[in-house]
């Protein structure tokens, strides 16, 4: 589960172990919970943050932050001259300032350089002790994936992983556990590199 490039579905574990689907699903769910280190350090340095929408069905032509989908906020450390560091993700009830700022305060160290789009939900970052850089996409000649490549790459990989490994069917009630499973390889890779350099 921790080394498979495309993750591990309950169906695959069911076939591998010869158990029932329900047993395989419960085992995977317990493993996902165990992947979270309660003492893990906050992200720092330069951190890109944005939200993405997972699953659900759009109603009445709604798109973007107003669509009837699960909202996931993503934070990615960016490295100079290139590359990405650790990743954090959280399923939040909506893209309001309260939900976004709470996530950032929990996961990003104060004093960090936080890069976001122009969404008003991020307006209270500076009073919380962060350096805030807004990337107003409509004013940029570069597309979003160029202006903030980290979060858009992670969001794209997440959606592809959910579609490929879990056939796109991830319930909102258990979405956070799937997010922890998805981010685990990034955390493990960062810890390995950190240990090797120290």
Protein backbone atom coordinates (compact mmCIF):
# COMPACT_ATOMS: atom_id res chain seq x y z
CA UNK A 1 0.00 0.00 0.00
CA UNK A 2 2.85 2.41 0.82
CA UNK A 3 5.02 1.51 -2.17
CA UNK A 4 2.52 0.79 -4.96
CA UNK A 5 2.82 3.60 -7.50
CA UNK A 6 -0.93 3.79 -8.06
CA UNK A 7 -2.02 2.95 -4.53
CA UNK A 8 -4.06 -0.05 -3.49
CA UNK A 9 -7.82 -0.46 -3.75
CA UNK A 10 -9.97 -2.58 -1.47
CA UNK A 11 -10.87 -4.73 -4.49
CA UNK A 12 -7.20 -5.48 -5.15
CA UNK A 13 -6.54 -6.33 -1.50
CA UNK A 14 -9.65 -8.52 -1.45
CA UNK A 15 -8.34 -10.54 -4.37
CA UNK A 16 -4.79 -10.67 -2.97
CA UNK A 17 -5.74 -11.90 0.50
CA UNK A 18 -8.88 -13.82 -0.37
CA UNK A 19 -10.95 -11.88 2.16
CA UNK A 20 -14.34 -10.23 1.82
CA UNK A 21 -14.51 -6.73 0.34
CA UNK A 22 -15.73 -5.32 3.67
CA UNK A 23 -12.73 -6.80 5.54
CA UNK A 24 -10.29 -5.49 2.94
CA UNK A 25 -11.87 -2.01 3.07
CA UNK A 26 -11.68 -1.90 6.89
CA UNK A 27 -8.03 -2.96 6.82
CA UNK A 28 -7.11 -0.24 4.33
CA UNK A 29 -9.04 2.37 6.29
CA UNK A 30 -7.09 1.52 9.47
CA UNK A 31 -3.81 1.73 7.56
CA UNK A 32 -4.74 5.16 6.19
CA UNK A 33 -5.39 6.44 9.72
CA UNK A 34 -2.03 5.02 10.86
CA UNK A 35 -0.23 6.96 8.12
CA UNK A 36 -0.87 10.28 9.89
CA UNK A 37 1.91 11.38 12.25
CA UNK A 38 0.33 13.63 14.87
CA UNK A 39 3.72 15.24 15.59
CA UNK A 40 4.58 16.07 11.98
CA UNK A 41 6.13 19.48 11.49
CA UNK A 42 4.40 22.39 9.77
CA UNK A 43 5.31 23.32 6.22
CA UNK A 44 7.69 26.26 5.87
CA UNK A 45 9.55 28.42 3.36
CA UNK A 46 7.54 29.14 0.22
CA UNK A 47 4.18 27.35 0.19
CA UNK A 48 1.62 27.33 -2.62
CA UNK A 49 -2.01 26.92 -1.51
CA UNK A 50 -5.16 26.43 -3.55
CA UNK A 51 -8.38 24.44 -3.51
CA UNK A 52 -9.66 21.79 -5.88
CA UNK A 53 -13.01 20.03 -6.26
CA UNK A 54 -13.36 16.26 -5.96
CA UNK A 55 -16.28 14.09 -7.11
CA UNK A 56 -19.89 15.21 -6.95
CA UNK A 57 -22.18 16.48 -9.69
CA UNK A 58 -22.55 20.03 -10.84
CA UNK A 59 -26.12 21.35 -10.61
CA UNK A 60 -27.69 24.22 -12.54
CA UNK A 61 -24.51 24.90 -14.43
CA UNK A 62 -22.57 25.83 -11.29
CA UNK A 63 -18.82 25.69 -11.64
CA UNK A 64 -15.77 26.40 -9.53
CA UNK A 65 -16.06 27.11 -5.81
CA UNK A 66 -19.87 27.05 -5.92
CA UNK A 67 -20.23 23.57 -7.44
CA UNK A 68 -21.74 20.67 -5.50
CA UNK A 69 -18.47 18.83 -4.94
CA UNK A 70 -16.10 18.09 -2.06
CA UNK A 71 -13.65 20.94 -1.50
CA UNK A 72 -10.03 19.93 -0.86
CA UNK A 73 -7.42 22.54 0.04
CA UNK A 74 -3.83 21.71 -0.94
CA UNK A 75 -0.56 23.14 0.41
CA UNK A 76 2.76 22.37 -1.32
CA UNK A 77 6.25 23.50 -0.35
CA UNK A 78 8.22 24.77 -3.34
CA UNK A 79 11.99 24.50 -3.54
CA UNK A 80 14.58 26.66 -5.30
CA UNK A 81 15.73 26.51 -8.01
CA UNK A 82 13.03 23.92 -8.76
CA UNK A 83 11.09 21.05 -7.24
CA UNK A 84 8.53 20.49 -4.51
CA UNK A 85 8.76 19.48 -0.87
CA UNK A 86 6.10 18.23 1.51
CA UNK A 87 2.38 18.20 0.80
CA UNK A 88 -0.65 18.66 3.05
CA UNK A 89 -4.31 18.30 2.07
CA UNK A 90 -7.59 18.66 3.93
CA UNK A 91 -11.23 18.10 3.04
CA UNK A 92 -12.97 21.30 4.17
CA UNK A 93 -16.73 22.08 4.28
CA UNK A 94 -16.41 25.10 1.99
CA UNK A 95 -13.89 27.60 0.63
CA UNK A 96 -14.70 30.24 3.24
CA UNK A 97 -11.99 32.26 4.91
CA UNK A 98 -12.63 30.52 8.23
CA UNK A 99 -12.00 27.06 6.78
CA UNK A 100 -8.99 28.11 4.67
CA UNK A 101 -7.23 30.14 7.37
CA UNK A 102 -7.76 27.37 9.96
CA UNK A 103 -6.09 24.87 7.60
CA UNK A 104 -3.16 27.20 6.94
CA UNK A 105 -2.62 27.98 10.64
CA UNK A 106 -2.61 24.23 11.38
CA UNK A 107 -0.25 23.21 8.58
CA UNK A 108 2.02 26.16 7.69
CA UNK A 109 4.59 27.77 9.98
CA UNK A 110 4.02 31.51 10.65
CA UNK A 111 6.48 33.68 8.75
CA UNK A 112 6.29 31.44 5.69
CA UNK A 113 5.78 32.93 2.23
CA UNK A 114 2.27 31.78 1.27
CA UNK A 115 1.25 32.04 -2.40
CA UNK A 116 -2.45 31.91 -3.29
CA UNK A 117 -4.78 33.08 -6.02
CA UNK A 118 -6.90 36.20 -5.57
CA UNK A 119 -9.76 34.48 -3.69
CA UNK A 120 -10.99 36.70 -0.82
CA UNK A 121 -10.92 33.74 1.59
CA UNK A 122 -7.17 34.24 1.89
CA UNK A 123 -7.35 37.94 2.77
CA UNK A 124 -6.66 37.42 6.50
CA UNK A 125 -3.31 35.66 6.02
CA UNK A 126 -1.10 38.67 6.83
CA UNK A 127 -2.72 39.37 10.23
CA UNK A 128 -1.98 35.72 11.09
CA UNK A 129 1.75 36.30 10.61
CA UNK A 130 2.28 35.06 7.04
CA UNK A 131 3.89 36.76 4.06
CA UNK A 132 1.11 36.66 1.49
CA UNK A 133 1.68 36.75 -2.25
CA UNK A 134 -1.45 36.82 -4.39
CA UNK A 135 -1.19 35.48 -7.91
CA UNK A 136 -4.10 37.13 -9.75
CA UNK A 137 -4.56 34.63 -12.55
CA UNK A 138 -6.72 36.87 -14.74
CA UNK A 139 -3.87 39.40 -14.79
CA UNK A 140 -1.25 36.81 -15.65
CA UNK A 141 -0.29 35.81 -19.15
CA UNK A 142 0.68 32.36 -17.82
CA UNK A 143 -2.01 29.73 -17.17
CA UNK A 144 -2.69 28.60 -13.58
CA UNK A 145 -0.52 25.49 -13.81
CA UNK A 146 2.46 27.69 -14.74
CA UNK A 147 1.85 30.44 -12.17
CA UNK A 148 1.32 27.96 -9.30
CA UNK A 149 2.66 24.64 -10.61
CA UNK A 150 2.90 22.75 -7.31
CA UNK A 151 -0.73 22.71 -6.24
CA UNK A 152 -2.01 22.19 -9.77
CA UNK A 153 0.29 19.24 -10.34
CA UNK A 154 -0.77 17.65 -7.03
CA UNK A 155 -4.46 18.29 -7.75
CA UNK A 156 -4.14 16.69 -11.19
CA UNK A 157 -2.33 13.63 -9.79
CA UNK A 158 -4.88 13.31 -6.97
CA UNK A 159 -7.84 13.26 -9.37
CA UNK A 160 -6.09 10.78 -11.66
CA UNK A 161 -5.27 8.55 -8.66
CA UNK A 162 -8.85 8.59 -7.36
CA UNK A 163 -10.19 7.82 -10.83
CA UNK A 164 -7.65 5.07 -11.56
CA UNK A 165 -7.28 3.36 -8.18
CA UNK A 166 -10.74 3.92 -6.72
CA UNK A 167 -12.76 4.30 -9.95
CA UNK A 168 -13.67 7.82 -8.90
CA UNK A 169 -15.90 6.62 -6.05
CA UNK A 170 -14.61 8.17 -2.82
CA UNK A 171 -17.27 9.19 -0.29
CA UNK A 172 -16.97 12.61 1.32
CA UNK A 173 -17.15 11.00 4.77
CA UNK A 174 -13.91 9.07 4.17
CA UNK A 175 -12.20 11.48 1.80
CA UNK A 176 -9.69 12.71 4.39
CA UNK A 177 -8.35 9.17 4.87
CA UNK A 178 -7.78 8.84 1.13
CA UNK A 179 -5.98 12.18 1.11
CA UNK A 180 -3.61 10.94 3.83
CA UNK A 181 -2.91 7.80 1.81
CA UNK A 182 -2.18 9.86 -1.28
CA UNK A 183 0.22 12.26 0.49
CA UNK A 184 2.11 9.52 2.37
CA UNK A 185 4.70 8.88 -0.41
CA UNK A 186 5.61 12.60 -0.43
CA UNK A 187 6.09 12.58 3.35
CA UNK A 188 8.15 9.38 3.23
CA UNK A 189 10.35 10.71 0.41
CA UNK A 190 10.94 13.99 2.27
CA UNK A 191 11.87 12.18 5.51
CA UNK A 192 14.26 9.87 3.65
CA UNK A 193 15.99 12.79 1.93
CA UNK A 194 16.15 14.73 5.22
CA UNK A 195 17.73 11.76 7.04
CA UNK A 196 20.29 11.23 4.25
CA UNK A 197 21.41 14.86 4.34
CA UNK A 198 21.77 15.07 8.13
